[in-house]
């Protein structure tokens, strides 16, 4: 197995779907993930609101960014697990990206390549 077989699956999803995605990933054999709270704008429409009599527009929606680096689990399985857990059928469900990872190094052991993942 060469280092080019390491891939990062990055997804932006609705915050309320995080627990479903975590469960789907665990069932797919990819329990390791990093989660970050982010804001973004895509095809989801802007929302209008009122506060103290003033109208405002919210066009940056709260999302959760999930990153999974995989070597022994196929990236396609991870993508499918995220999609199954995050899909609601509404605009704003999110996006999934798969990126190649050039190399990896585990700090504690010094392991490199797929062994570091």
PDB file of N, CA and C in Angstrom:
ATOM      1  N   UNK A   1       0.858  -1.181   0.000  1.00  0.00           N
ATOM      2  CA  UNK A   1       0.000   0.000   0.000  1.00  0.00           C
ATOM      3  C   UNK A   1       0.900   1.240   0.000  1.00  0.00           C
ATOM      4  N   UNK A   2       0.731   2.108  -0.951  1.00  0.00           N
ATOM      5  CA  UNK A   2       1.546   3.314  -1.029  1.00  0.00           C
ATOM      6  C   UNK A   2       0.854   4.458  -0.305  1.00  0.00           C
ATOM      7  N   UNK A   3       1.638   5.516  -0.024  1.00  0.00           N
ATOM      8  CA  UNK A   3       1.091   6.654   0.704  1.00  0.00           C
ATOM      9  C   UNK A   3      -0.002   7.366  -0.084  1.00  0.00           C
ATOM     10  N   UNK A   4      -0.016   7.233  -1.411  1.00  0.00           N
ATOM     11  CA  UNK A   4      -1.029   7.905  -2.219  1.00  0.00           C
ATOM     12  C   UNK A   4      -2.423   7.320  -1.994  1.00  0.00           C
ATOM     13  N   UNK A   5      -2.498   6.184  -1.306  1.00  0.00           N
ATOM     14  CA  UNK A   5      -3.795   5.572  -1.038  1.00  0.00           C
ATOM     15  C   UNK A   5      -4.474   6.173   0.184  1.00  0.00           C
ATOM     16  N   UNK A   6      -3.827   7.129   0.845  1.00  0.00           N
ATOM     17  CA  UNK A   6      -4.432   7.827   1.976  1.00  0.00           C
ATOM     18  C   UNK A   6      -5.302   8.939   1.404  1.00  0.00           C
ATOM     19  N   UNK A   7      -6.533   9.021   1.877  1.00  0.00           N
ATOM     20  CA  UNK A   7      -7.434  10.056   1.383  1.00  0.00           C
ATOM     21  C   UNK A   7      -8.128  10.747   2.543  1.00  0.00           C
ATOM     22  N   UNK A   8      -8.453  12.016   2.329  1.00  0.00           N
ATOM     23  CA  UNK A   8      -9.226  12.759   3.313  1.00  0.00           C
ATOM     24  C   UNK A   8     -10.603  13.016   2.735  1.00  0.00           C
ATOM     25  N   UNK A   9     -11.616  12.641   3.501  1.00  0.00           N
ATOM     26  CA  UNK A   9     -12.996  12.923   3.130  1.00  0.00           C
ATOM     27  C   UNK A   9     -13.427  14.099   4.011  1.00  0.00           C
ATOM     28  N   UNK A  10     -13.831  15.185   3.358  1.00  0.00           N
ATOM     29  CA  UNK A  10     -14.225  16.399   4.059  1.00  0.00           C
ATOM     30  C   UNK A  10     -15.675  16.697   3.701  1.00  0.00           C
ATOM     31  N   UNK A  11     -16.494  16.922   4.718  1.00  0.00           N
ATOM     32  CA  UNK A  11     -17.909  17.154   4.476  1.00  0.00           C
ATOM     33  C   UNK A  11     -18.395  18.345   5.289  1.00  0.00           C
ATOM     34  N   UNK A  12     -19.326  19.088   4.711  1.00  0.00           N
ATOM     35  CA  UNK A  12     -20.008  20.176   5.399  1.00  0.00           C
ATOM     36  C   UNK A  12     -21.468  19.767   5.509  1.00  0.00           C
ATOM     37  N   UNK A  13     -21.957  19.643   6.744  1.00  0.00           N
ATOM     38  CA  UNK A  13     -23.313  19.143   6.955  1.00  0.00           C
ATOM     39  C   UNK A  13     -24.067  20.038   7.932  1.00  0.00           C
ATOM     40  N   UNK A  14     -25.366  19.753   8.075  1.00  0.00           N
ATOM     41  CA  UNK A  14     -26.194  20.451   9.063  1.00  0.00           C
ATOM     42  C   UNK A  14     -25.774  19.997  10.468  1.00  0.00           C
ATOM     43  N   UNK A  15     -25.706  20.933  11.415  1.00  0.00           N
ATOM     44  CA  UNK A  15     -25.296  20.542  12.777  1.00  0.00           C
ATOM     45  C   UNK A  15     -26.202  19.488  13.411  1.00  0.00           C
ATOM     46  N   UNK A  16     -27.486  19.519  13.125  1.00  0.00           N
ATOM     47  CA  UNK A  16     -28.407  18.567  13.749  1.00  0.00           C
ATOM     48  C   UNK A  16     -28.265  17.145  13.200  1.00  0.00           C
ATOM     49  N   UNK A  17     -27.507  16.954  12.143  1.00  0.00           N
ATOM     50  CA  UNK A  17     -27.304  15.619  11.562  1.00  0.00           C
ATOM     51  C   UNK A  17     -25.978  14.987  11.998  1.00  0.00           C
ATOM     52  N   UNK A  18     -25.227  15.668  12.862  1.00  0.00           N
ATOM     53  CA  UNK A  18     -23.911  15.166  13.265  1.00  0.00           C
ATOM     54  C   UNK A  18     -23.987  13.800  13.941  1.00  0.00           C
ATOM     55  N   UNK A  19     -24.920  13.616  14.858  1.00  0.00           N
ATOM     56  CA  UNK A  19     -24.989  12.321  15.552  1.00  0.00           C
ATOM     57  C   UNK A  19     -25.328  11.185  14.586  1.00  0.00           C
ATOM     58  N   UNK A  20     -26.195  11.455  13.610  1.00  0.00           N
ATOM     59  CA  UNK A  20     -26.516  10.430  12.609  1.00  0.00           C
ATOM     60  C   UNK A  20     -25.296  10.085  11.763  1.00  0.00           C
ATOM     61  N   UNK A  21     -24.514  11.103  11.391  1.00  0.00           N
ATOM     62  CA  UNK A  21     -23.314  10.872  10.580  1.00  0.00           C
ATOM     63  C   UNK A  21     -22.271  10.109  11.388  1.00  0.00           C
ATOM     64  N   UNK A  22     -22.076  10.462  12.656  1.00  0.00           N
ATOM     65  CA  UNK A  22     -21.119   9.738  13.497  1.00  0.00           C
ATOM     66  C   UNK A  22     -21.488   8.268  13.599  1.00  0.00           C
ATOM     67  N   UNK A  23     -22.760   7.977  13.760  1.00  0.00           N
ATOM     68  CA  UNK A  23     -23.213   6.589  13.840  1.00  0.00           C
ATOM     69  C   UNK A  23     -22.984   5.863  12.513  1.00  0.00           C
ATOM     70  N   UNK A  24     -23.290   6.520  11.399  1.00  0.00           N
ATOM     71  CA  UNK A  24     -23.071   5.913  10.079  1.00  0.00           C
ATOM     72  C   UNK A  24     -21.596   5.627   9.835  1.00  0.00           C
ATOM     73  N   UNK A  25     -20.732   6.557  10.241  1.00  0.00           N
ATOM     74  CA  UNK A  25     -19.289   6.364  10.055  1.00  0.00           C
ATOM     75  C   UNK A  25     -18.783   5.204  10.909  1.00  0.00           C
ATOM     76  N   UNK A  26     -19.258   5.100  12.133  1.00  0.00           N
ATOM     77  CA  UNK A  26     -18.837   3.994  12.994  1.00  0.00           C
ATOM     78  C   UNK A  26     -19.260   2.655  12.391  1.00  0.00           C
ATOM     79  N   UNK A  27     -20.465   2.601  11.844  1.00  0.00           N
ATOM     80  CA  UNK A  27     -20.947   1.365  11.216  1.00  0.00           C
ATOM     81  C   UNK A  27     -20.160   1.026   9.958  1.00  0.00           C
ATOM     82  N   UNK A  28     -19.630   2.052   9.275  1.00  0.00           N
ATOM     83  CA  UNK A  28     -18.838   1.833   8.058  1.00  0.00           C
ATOM     84  C   UNK A  28     -17.388   1.487   8.360  1.00  0.00           C
ATOM     85  N   UNK A  29     -17.000   1.520   9.641  1.00  0.00           N
ATOM     86  CA  UNK A  29     -15.623   1.183  10.008  1.00  0.00           C
ATOM     87  C   UNK A  29     -14.669   2.353   9.960  1.00  0.00           C
ATOM     88  N   UNK A  30     -15.185   3.572   9.996  1.00  0.00           N
ATOM     89  CA  UNK A  30     -14.338   4.775   9.982  1.00  0.00           C
ATOM     90  C   UNK A  30     -14.727   5.666  11.166  1.00  0.00           C
ATOM     91  N   UNK A  31     -14.397   5.243  12.401  1.00  0.00           N
ATOM     92  CA  UNK A  31     -14.840   6.001  13.565  1.00  0.00           C
ATOM     93  C   UNK A  31     -14.035   7.270  13.837  1.00  0.00           C
ATOM     94  N   UNK A  32     -12.841   7.406  13.262  1.00  0.00           N
ATOM     95  CA  UNK A  32     -11.998   8.575  13.527  1.00  0.00           C
ATOM     96  C   UNK A  32     -12.452   9.762  12.694  1.00  0.00           C
ATOM     97  N   UNK A  33     -12.659  10.895  13.351  1.00  0.00           N
ATOM     98  CA  UNK A  33     -13.056  12.090  12.633  1.00  0.00           C
ATOM     99  C   UNK A  33     -12.689  13.320  13.431  1.00  0.00           C
ATOM    100  N   UNK A  34     -12.635  14.445  12.734  1.00  0.00           N
ATOM    101  CA  UNK A  34     -12.432  15.750  13.343  1.00  0.00           C
ATOM    102  C   UNK A  34     -13.632  16.593  12.973  1.00  0.00           C
ATOM    103  N   UNK A  35     -14.176  17.314  13.959  1.00  0.00           N
ATOM    104  CA  UNK A  35     -15.376  18.109  13.747  1.00  0.00           C
ATOM    105  C   UNK A  35     -15.083  19.564  14.088  1.00  0.00           C
ATOM    106  N   UNK A  36     -15.498  20.480  13.210  1.00  0.00           N
ATOM    107  CA  UNK A  36     -15.321  21.908  13.412  1.00  0.00           C
ATOM    108  C   UNK A  36     -16.632  22.615  13.105  1.00  0.00           C
ATOM    109  N   UNK A  37     -17.009  23.592  13.921  1.00  0.00           N
ATOM    110  CA  UNK A  37     -18.189  24.407  13.633  1.00  0.00           C
ATOM    111  C   UNK A  37     -17.781  25.524  12.681  1.00  0.00           C
ATOM    112  N   UNK A  38     -18.509  25.658  11.569  1.00  0.00           N
ATOM    113  CA  UNK A  38     -18.194  26.662  10.550  1.00  0.00           C
ATOM    114  C   UNK A  38     -19.474  27.352  10.093  1.00  0.00           C
ATOM    115  N   UNK A  39     -19.326  28.451   9.375  1.00  0.00           N
ATOM    116  CA  UNK A  39     -20.448  29.134   8.734  1.00  0.00           C
ATOM    117  C   UNK A  39     -20.175  29.172   7.252  1.00  0.00           C
ATOM    118  N   UNK A  40     -21.229  29.099   6.448  1.00  0.00           N
ATOM    119  CA  UNK A  40     -21.009  29.117   5.014  1.00  0.00           C
ATOM    120  C   UNK A  40     -22.261  29.465   4.248  1.00  0.00           C
ATOM    121  N   UNK A  41     -22.067  29.625   2.952  1.00  0.00           N
ATOM    122  CA  UNK A  41     -23.162  29.980   2.063  1.00  0.00           C
ATOM    123  C   UNK A  41     -23.042  29.132   0.812  1.00  0.00           C
ATOM    124  N   UNK A  42     -24.164  28.560   0.406  1.00  0.00           N
ATOM    125  CA  UNK A  42     -24.190  27.748  -0.799  1.00  0.00           C
ATOM    126  C   UNK A  42     -25.513  27.952  -1.498  1.00  0.00           C
ATOM    127  N   UNK A  43     -26.154  26.861  -1.886  1.00  0.00           N
ATOM    128  CA  UNK A  43     -27.423  26.968  -2.602  1.00  0.00           C
ATOM    129  C   UNK A  43     -28.607  27.157  -1.657  1.00  0.00           C
ATOM    130  N   UNK A  44     -28.354  27.005  -0.354  1.00  0.00           N
ATOM    131  CA  UNK A  44     -29.427  27.194   0.618  1.00  0.00           C
ATOM    132  C   UNK A  44     -29.849  28.665   0.637  1.00  0.00           C
ATOM    133  N   UNK A  45     -31.168  28.941   0.565  1.00  0.00           N
ATOM    134  CA  UNK A  45     -31.608  30.337   0.505  1.00  0.00           C
ATOM    135  C   UNK A  45     -31.341  31.090   1.808  1.00  0.00           C
ATOM    136  N   UNK A  46     -31.174  32.412   1.686  1.00  0.00           N
ATOM    137  CA  UNK A  46     -30.974  33.273   2.850  1.00  0.00           C
ATOM    138  C   UNK A  46     -32.272  33.341   3.655  1.00  0.00           C
ATOM    139  N   UNK A  47     -32.123  33.534   4.958  1.00  0.00           N
ATOM    140  CA  UNK A  47     -33.292  33.656   5.830  1.00  0.00           C
ATOM    141  C   UNK A  47     -33.414  35.102   6.288  1.00  0.00           C
ATOM    142  N   UNK A  48     -34.639  35.579   6.347  1.00  0.00           N
ATOM    143  CA  UNK A  48     -34.893  36.929   6.840  1.00  0.00           C
ATOM    144  C   UNK A  48     -35.442  36.826   8.250  1.00  0.00           C
ATOM    145  N   UNK A  49     -35.060  37.784   9.087  1.00  0.00           N
ATOM    146  CA  UNK A  49     -35.536  37.810  10.457  1.00  0.00           C
ATOM    147  C   UNK A  49     -35.748  39.237  10.916  1.00  0.00           C
ATOM    148  N   UNK A  50     -36.297  39.378  12.102  1.00  0.00           N
ATOM    149  CA  UNK A  50     -36.501  40.693  12.685  1.00  0.00           C
ATOM    150  C   UNK A  50     -35.984  40.689  14.102  1.00  0.00           C
ATOM    151  N   UNK A  51     -35.319  41.760  14.467  1.00  0.00           N
ATOM    152  CA  UNK A  51     -34.820  41.926  15.818  1.00  0.00           C
ATOM    153  C   UNK A  51     -34.987  43.374  16.220  1.00  0.00           C
ATOM    154  N   UNK A  52     -35.744  43.615  17.268  1.00  0.00           N
ATOM    155  CA  UNK A  52     -36.038  44.966  17.756  1.00  0.00           C
ATOM    156  C   UNK A  52     -36.594  45.864  16.656  1.00  0.00           C
ATOM    157  N   UNK A  53     -37.469  45.285  15.859  1.00  0.00           N
ATOM    158  CA  UNK A  53     -38.135  46.058  14.816  1.00  0.00           C
ATOM    159  C   UNK A  53     -37.343  46.238  13.537  1.00  0.00           C
ATOM    160  N   UNK A  54     -36.100  45.804  13.523  1.00  0.00           N
ATOM    161  CA  UNK A  54     -35.258  45.928  12.329  1.00  0.00           C
ATOM    162  C   UNK A  54     -35.194  44.581  11.612  1.00  0.00           C
ATOM    163  N   UNK A  55     -35.331  44.607  10.295  1.00  0.00           N
ATOM    164  CA  UNK A  55     -35.228  43.384   9.510  1.00  0.00           C
ATOM    165  C   UNK A  55     -33.775  43.136   9.138  1.00  0.00           C
ATOM    166  N   UNK A  56     -33.368  41.871   9.191  1.00  0.00           N
ATOM    167  CA  UNK A  56     -32.005  41.512   8.799  1.00  0.00           C
ATOM    168  C   UNK A  56     -32.041  40.225   7.990  1.00  0.00           C
ATOM    169  N   UNK A  57     -30.965  39.981   7.249  1.00  0.00           N
ATOM    170  CA  UNK A  57     -30.850  38.790   6.411  1.00  0.00           C
ATOM    171  C   UNK A  57     -29.672  37.954   6.887  1.00  0.00           C
ATOM    172  N   UNK A  58     -29.907  36.672   7.051  1.00  0.00           N
ATOM    173  CA  UNK A  58     -28.845  35.735   7.420  1.00  0.00           C
ATOM    174  C   UNK A  58     -28.535  34.901   6.183  1.00  0.00           C
ATOM    175  N   UNK A  59     -27.354  35.130   5.607  1.00  0.00           N
ATOM    176  CA  UNK A  59     -26.984  34.350   4.423  1.00  0.00           C
ATOM    177  C   UNK A  59     -25.802  33.422   4.692  1.00  0.00           C
ATOM    178  N   UNK A  60     -25.214  33.492   5.884  1.00  0.00           N
ATOM    179  CA  UNK A  60     -24.197  32.524   6.290  1.00  0.00           C
ATOM    180  C   UNK A  60     -24.841  31.578   7.286  1.00  0.00           C
ATOM    181  N   UNK A  61     -24.957  30.317   6.906  1.00  0.00           N
ATOM    182  CA  UNK A  61     -25.648  29.324   7.719  1.00  0.00           C
ATOM    183  C   UNK A  61     -24.639  28.526   8.536  1.00  0.00           C
ATOM    184  N   UNK A  62     -25.054  28.129   9.733  1.00  0.00           N
ATOM    185  CA  UNK A  62     -24.207  27.315  10.596  1.00  0.00           C
ATOM    186  C   UNK A  62     -24.107  25.903  10.014  1.00  0.00           C
ATOM    187  N   UNK A  63     -22.890  25.419   9.914  1.00  0.00           N
ATOM    188  CA  UNK A  63     -22.621  24.073   9.409  1.00  0.00           C
ATOM    189  C   UNK A  63     -21.594  23.405  10.309  1.00  0.00           C
ATOM    190  N   UNK A  64     -21.420  22.115  10.125  1.00  0.00           N
ATOM    191  CA  UNK A  64     -20.387  21.350  10.798  1.00  0.00           C
ATOM    192  C   UNK A  64     -19.476  20.783   9.717  1.00  0.00           C
ATOM    193  N   UNK A  65     -18.177  20.981   9.894  1.00  0.00           N
ATOM    194  CA  UNK A  65     -17.194  20.428   8.960  1.00  0.00           C
ATOM    195  C   UNK A  65     -16.620  19.157   9.580  1.00  0.00           C
ATOM    196  N   UNK A  66     -16.707  18.074   8.828  1.00  0.00           N
ATOM    197  CA  UNK A  66     -16.192  16.782   9.278  1.00  0.00           C
ATOM    198  C   UNK A  66     -15.020  16.401   8.384  1.00  0.00           C
ATOM    199  N   UNK A  67     -13.921  15.969   9.010  1.00  0.00           N
ATOM    200  CA  UNK A  67     -12.761  15.489   8.256  1.00  0.00           C
ATOM    201  C   UNK A  67     -12.429  14.073   8.724  1.00  0.00           C
ATOM    202  N   UNK A  68     -12.315  13.165   7.768  1.00  0.00           N
ATOM    203  CA  UNK A  68     -11.924  11.774   8.039  1.00  0.00           C
ATOM    204  C   UNK A  68     -10.758  11.441   7.123  1.00  0.00           C
ATOM    205  N   UNK A  69      -9.647  11.044   7.703  1.00  0.00           N
ATOM    206  CA  UNK A  69      -8.516  10.590   6.903  1.00  0.00           C
ATOM    207  C   UNK A  69      -8.518   9.072   6.967  1.00  0.00           C
ATOM    208  N   UNK A  70      -8.570   8.433   5.801  1.00  0.00           N
ATOM    209  CA  UNK A  70      -8.686   6.977   5.745  1.00  0.00           C
ATOM    210  C   UNK A  70      -7.612   6.371   4.852  1.00  0.00           C
ATOM    211  N   UNK A  71      -7.177   5.182   5.253  1.00  0.00           N
ATOM    212  CA  UNK A  71      -6.227   4.425   4.438  1.00  0.00           C
ATOM    213  C   UNK A  71      -6.733   3.003   4.238  1.00  0.00           C
ATOM    214  N   UNK A  72      -7.297   2.405   5.298  1.00  0.00           N
ATOM    215  CA  UNK A  72      -7.745   1.017   5.204  1.00  0.00           C
ATOM    216  C   UNK A  72      -9.228   0.889   4.893  1.00  0.00           C
ATOM    217  N   UNK A  73      -9.984   1.972   5.046  1.00  0.00           N
ATOM    218  CA  UNK A  73     -11.412   1.987   4.697  1.00  0.00           C
ATOM    219  C   UNK A  73     -11.549   2.727   3.371  1.00  0.00           C
ATOM    220  N   UNK A  74     -12.231   2.169   2.387  1.00  0.00           N
ATOM    221  CA  UNK A  74     -12.393   2.872   1.107  1.00  0.00           C
ATOM    222  C   UNK A  74     -13.102   4.218   1.291  1.00  0.00           C
ATOM    223  N   UNK A  75     -12.590   5.256   0.644  1.00  0.00           N
ATOM    224  CA  UNK A  75     -13.183   6.601   0.742  1.00  0.00           C
ATOM    225  C   UNK A  75     -14.628   6.590   0.255  1.00  0.00           C
ATOM    226  N   UNK A  76     -14.942   5.733  -0.708  1.00  0.00           N
ATOM    227  CA  UNK A  76     -16.311   5.659  -1.223  1.00  0.00           C
ATOM    228  C   UNK A  76     -17.286   5.214  -0.128  1.00  0.00           C
ATOM    229  N   UNK A  77     -16.828   4.299   0.748  1.00  0.00           N
ATOM    230  CA  UNK A  77     -17.672   3.849   1.854  1.00  0.00           C
ATOM    231  C   UNK A  77     -17.920   4.971   2.854  1.00  0.00           C
ATOM    232  N   UNK A  78     -16.892   5.780   3.085  1.00  0.00           N
ATOM    233  CA  UNK A  78     -17.014   6.909   4.005  1.00  0.00           C
ATOM    234  C   UNK A  78     -17.968   7.951   3.423  1.00  0.00           C
ATOM    235  N   UNK A  79     -17.834   8.236   2.137  1.00  0.00           N
ATOM    236  CA  UNK A  79     -18.729   9.187   1.472  1.00  0.00           C
ATOM    237  C   UNK A  79     -20.171   8.702   1.567  1.00  0.00           C
ATOM    238  N   UNK A  80     -20.383   7.428   1.297  1.00  0.00           N
ATOM    239  CA  UNK A  80     -21.733   6.864   1.358  1.00  0.00           C
ATOM    240  C   UNK A  80     -22.307   6.936   2.777  1.00  0.00           C
ATOM    241  N   UNK A  81     -21.466   6.676   3.780  1.00  0.00           N
ATOM    242  CA  UNK A  81     -21.922   6.738   5.169  1.00  0.00           C
ATOM    243  C   UNK A  81     -22.313   8.158   5.559  1.00  0.00           C
ATOM    244  N   UNK A  82     -21.511   9.136   5.148  1.00  0.00           N
ATOM    245  CA  UNK A  82     -21.830  10.537   5.452  1.00  0.00           C
ATOM    246  C   UNK A  82     -23.118  10.938   4.745  1.00  0.00           C
ATOM    247  N   UNK A  83     -23.237  10.564   3.491  1.00  0.00           N
ATOM    248  CA  UNK A  83     -24.430  10.906   2.718  1.00  0.00           C
ATOM    249  C   UNK A  83     -25.683  10.286   3.338  1.00  0.00           C
ATOM    250  N   UNK A  84     -25.591   9.022   3.751  1.00  0.00           N
ATOM    251  CA  UNK A  84     -26.739   8.354   4.370  1.00  0.00           C
ATOM    252  C   UNK A  84     -27.150   9.035   5.674  1.00  0.00           C
ATOM    253  N   UNK A  85     -26.165   9.449   6.472  1.00  0.00           N
ATOM    254  CA  UNK A  85     -26.472  10.060   7.754  1.00  0.00           C
ATOM    255  C   UNK A  85     -26.914  11.505   7.670  1.00  0.00           C
ATOM    256  N   UNK A  86     -26.473  12.233   6.636  1.00  0.00           N
ATOM    257  CA  UNK A  86     -26.717  13.675   6.566  1.00  0.00           C
ATOM    258  C   UNK A  86     -27.889  14.073   5.680  1.00  0.00           C
ATOM    259  N   UNK A  87     -28.354  13.189   4.824  1.00  0.00           N
ATOM    260  CA  UNK A  87     -29.346  13.566   3.820  1.00  0.00           C
ATOM    261  C   UNK A  87     -30.731  13.793   4.421  1.00  0.00           C
ATOM    262  N   UNK A  88     -31.312  14.968   4.114  1.00  0.00           N
ATOM    263  CA  UNK A  88     -32.695  15.267   4.487  1.00  0.00           C
ATOM    264  C   UNK A  88     -33.551  15.502   3.250  1.00  0.00           C
ATOM    265  N   UNK A  89     -32.909  15.741   2.112  1.00  0.00           N
ATOM    266  CA  UNK A  89     -33.639  16.029   0.882  1.00  0.00           C
ATOM    267  C   UNK A  89     -33.954  17.501   0.698  1.00  0.00           C
ATOM    268  N   UNK A  90     -33.532  18.333   1.634  1.00  0.00           N
ATOM    269  CA  UNK A  90     -33.777  19.777   1.577  1.00  0.00           C
ATOM    270  C   UNK A  90     -32.524  20.505   1.107  1.00  0.00           C
ATOM    271  N   UNK A  91     -32.684  21.719   0.528  1.00  0.00           N
ATOM    272  CA  UNK A  91     -31.492  22.518   0.216  1.00  0.00           C
ATOM    273  C   UNK A  91     -30.704  22.795   1.494  1.00  0.00           C
ATOM    274  N   UNK A  92     -29.382  22.741   1.400  1.00  0.00           N
ATOM    275  CA  UNK A  92     -28.538  23.001   2.560  1.00  0.00           C
ATOM    276  C   UNK A  92     -28.069  21.750   3.270  1.00  0.00           C
ATOM    277  N   UNK A  93     -28.285  20.567   2.670  1.00  0.00           N
ATOM    278  CA  UNK A  93     -27.813  19.327   3.283  1.00  0.00           C
ATOM    279  C   UNK A  93     -26.294  19.288   3.360  1.00  0.00           C
ATOM    280  N   UNK A  94     -25.601  19.940   2.448  1.00  0.00           N
ATOM    281  CA  UNK A  94     -24.148  20.017   2.517  1.00  0.00           C
ATOM    282  C   UNK A  94     -23.456  19.453   1.301  1.00  0.00           C
ATOM    283  N   UNK A  95     -22.146  19.346   1.427  1.00  0.00           N
ATOM    284  CA  UNK A  95     -21.288  18.858   0.341  1.00  0.00           C
ATOM    285  C   UNK A  95     -20.229  17.929   0.929  1.00  0.00           C
ATOM    286  N   UNK A  96     -19.723  17.022   0.082  1.00  0.00           N
ATOM    287  CA  UNK A  96     -18.660  16.097   0.471  1.00  0.00           C
ATOM    288  C   UNK A  96     -17.553  16.203  -0.568  1.00  0.00           C
ATOM    289  N   UNK A  97     -16.310  16.290  -0.088  1.00  0.00           N
ATOM    290  CA  UNK A  97     -15.141  16.363  -0.968  1.00  0.00           C
ATOM    291  C   UNK A  97     -14.167  15.257  -0.581  1.00  0.00           C
ATOM    292  N   UNK A  98     -13.510  14.659  -1.574  1.00  0.00           N
ATOM    293  CA  UNK A  98     -12.486  13.649  -1.329  1.00  0.00           C
ATOM    294  C   UNK A  98     -11.174  14.184  -1.885  1.00  0.00           C
ATOM    295  N   UNK A  99     -10.156  14.236  -1.014  1.00  0.00           N
ATOM    296  CA  UNK A  99      -8.857  14.798  -1.382  1.00  0.00           C
ATOM    297  C   UNK A  99      -7.758  13.765  -1.152  1.00  0.00           C
ATOM    298  N   UNK A 100      -6.755  13.713  -2.028  1.00  0.00           N
ATOM    299  CA  UNK A 100      -5.625  12.820  -1.767  1.00  0.00           C
ATOM    300  C   UNK A 100      -4.744  13.409  -0.663  1.00  0.00           C
ATOM    301  N   UNK A 101      -4.186  12.535   0.168  1.00  0.00           N
ATOM    302  CA  UNK A 101      -3.253  12.961   1.210  1.00  0.00           C
ATOM    303  C   UNK A 101      -1.868  12.502   0.777  1.00  0.00           C
ATOM    304  N   UNK A 102      -0.958  13.453   0.667  1.00  0.00           N
ATOM    305  CA  UNK A 102       0.379  13.138   0.174  1.00  0.00           C
ATOM    306  C   UNK A 102       1.152  12.247   1.140  1.00  0.00           C
ATOM    307  N   UNK A 103       1.101  12.571   2.422  1.00  0.00           N
ATOM    308  CA  UNK A 103       1.769  11.739   3.417  1.00  0.00           C
ATOM    309  C   UNK A 103       1.148  11.991   4.786  1.00  0.00           C
ATOM    310  N   UNK A 104       1.499  11.125   5.733  1.00  0.00           N
ATOM    311  CA  UNK A 104       1.011  11.256   7.100  1.00  0.00           C
ATOM    312  C   UNK A 104       2.091  10.769   8.049  1.00  0.00           C
ATOM    313  N   UNK A 105       2.138  11.369   9.235  1.00  0.00           N
ATOM    314  CA  UNK A 105       3.108  10.973  10.253  1.00  0.00           C
ATOM    315  C   UNK A 105       2.428  11.034  11.608  1.00  0.00           C
ATOM    316  N   UNK A 106       2.480   9.938  12.357  1.00  0.00           N
ATOM    317  CA  UNK A 106       1.913   9.929  13.702  1.00  0.00           C
ATOM    318  C   UNK A 106       2.981  10.454  14.652  1.00  0.00           C
ATOM    319  N   UNK A 107       2.646  11.475  15.408  1.00  0.00           N
ATOM    320  CA  UNK A 107       3.616  12.146  16.273  1.00  0.00           C
ATOM    321  C   UNK A 107       4.135  11.217  17.365  1.00  0.00           C
ATOM    322  N   UNK A 108       3.245  10.502  18.039  1.00  0.00           N
ATOM    323  CA  UNK A 108       3.637   9.670  19.184  1.00  0.00           C
ATOM    324  C   UNK A 108       4.597   8.556  18.794  1.00  0.00           C
ATOM    325  N   UNK A 109       4.293   7.806  17.720  1.00  0.00           N
ATOM    326  CA  UNK A 109       5.089   6.633  17.362  1.00  0.00           C
ATOM    327  C   UNK A 109       6.101   6.888  16.258  1.00  0.00           C
ATOM    328  N   UNK A 110       5.896   7.942  15.486  1.00  0.00           N
ATOM    329  CA  UNK A 110       6.752   8.198  14.345  1.00  0.00           C
ATOM    330  C   UNK A 110       6.360   7.415  13.112  1.00  0.00           C
ATOM    331  N   UNK A 111       5.269   6.659  13.191  1.00  0.00           N
ATOM    332  CA  UNK A 111       4.818   5.867  12.044  1.00  0.00           C
ATOM    333  C   UNK A 111       4.457   6.810  10.902  1.00  0.00           C
ATOM    334  N   UNK A 112       4.722   6.368   9.692  1.00  0.00           N
ATOM    335  CA  UNK A 112       4.426   7.193   8.513  1.00  0.00           C
ATOM    336  C   UNK A 112       3.550   6.405   7.552  1.00  0.00           C
ATOM    337  N   UNK A 113       2.983   7.131   6.597  1.00  0.00           N
ATOM    338  CA  UNK A 113       2.148   6.521   5.587  1.00  0.00           C
ATOM    339  C   UNK A 113       0.854   5.986   6.162  1.00  0.00           C
ATOM    340  N   UNK A 114       0.296   4.924   5.559  1.00  0.00           N
ATOM    341  CA  UNK A 114      -0.968   4.364   6.029  1.00  0.00           C
ATOM    342  C   UNK A 114      -0.921   3.891   7.488  1.00  0.00           C
ATOM    343  N   UNK A 115       0.261   3.501   7.975  1.00  0.00           N
ATOM    344  CA  UNK A 115       0.376   3.071   9.364  1.00  0.00           C
ATOM    345  C   UNK A 115       0.110   4.217  10.334  1.00  0.00           C
ATOM    346  N   UNK A 116       0.305   5.448   9.897  1.00  0.00           N
ATOM    347  CA  UNK A 116       0.077   6.607  10.763  1.00  0.00           C
ATOM    348  C   UNK A 116      -1.412   6.940  10.888  1.00  0.00           C
ATOM    349  N   UNK A 117      -2.200   6.460   9.939  1.00  0.00           N
ATOM    350  CA  UNK A 117      -3.631   6.759   9.952  1.00  0.00           C
ATOM    351  C   UNK A 117      -4.332   5.755  10.833  1.00  0.00           C
TER     352      UNK A 117
END
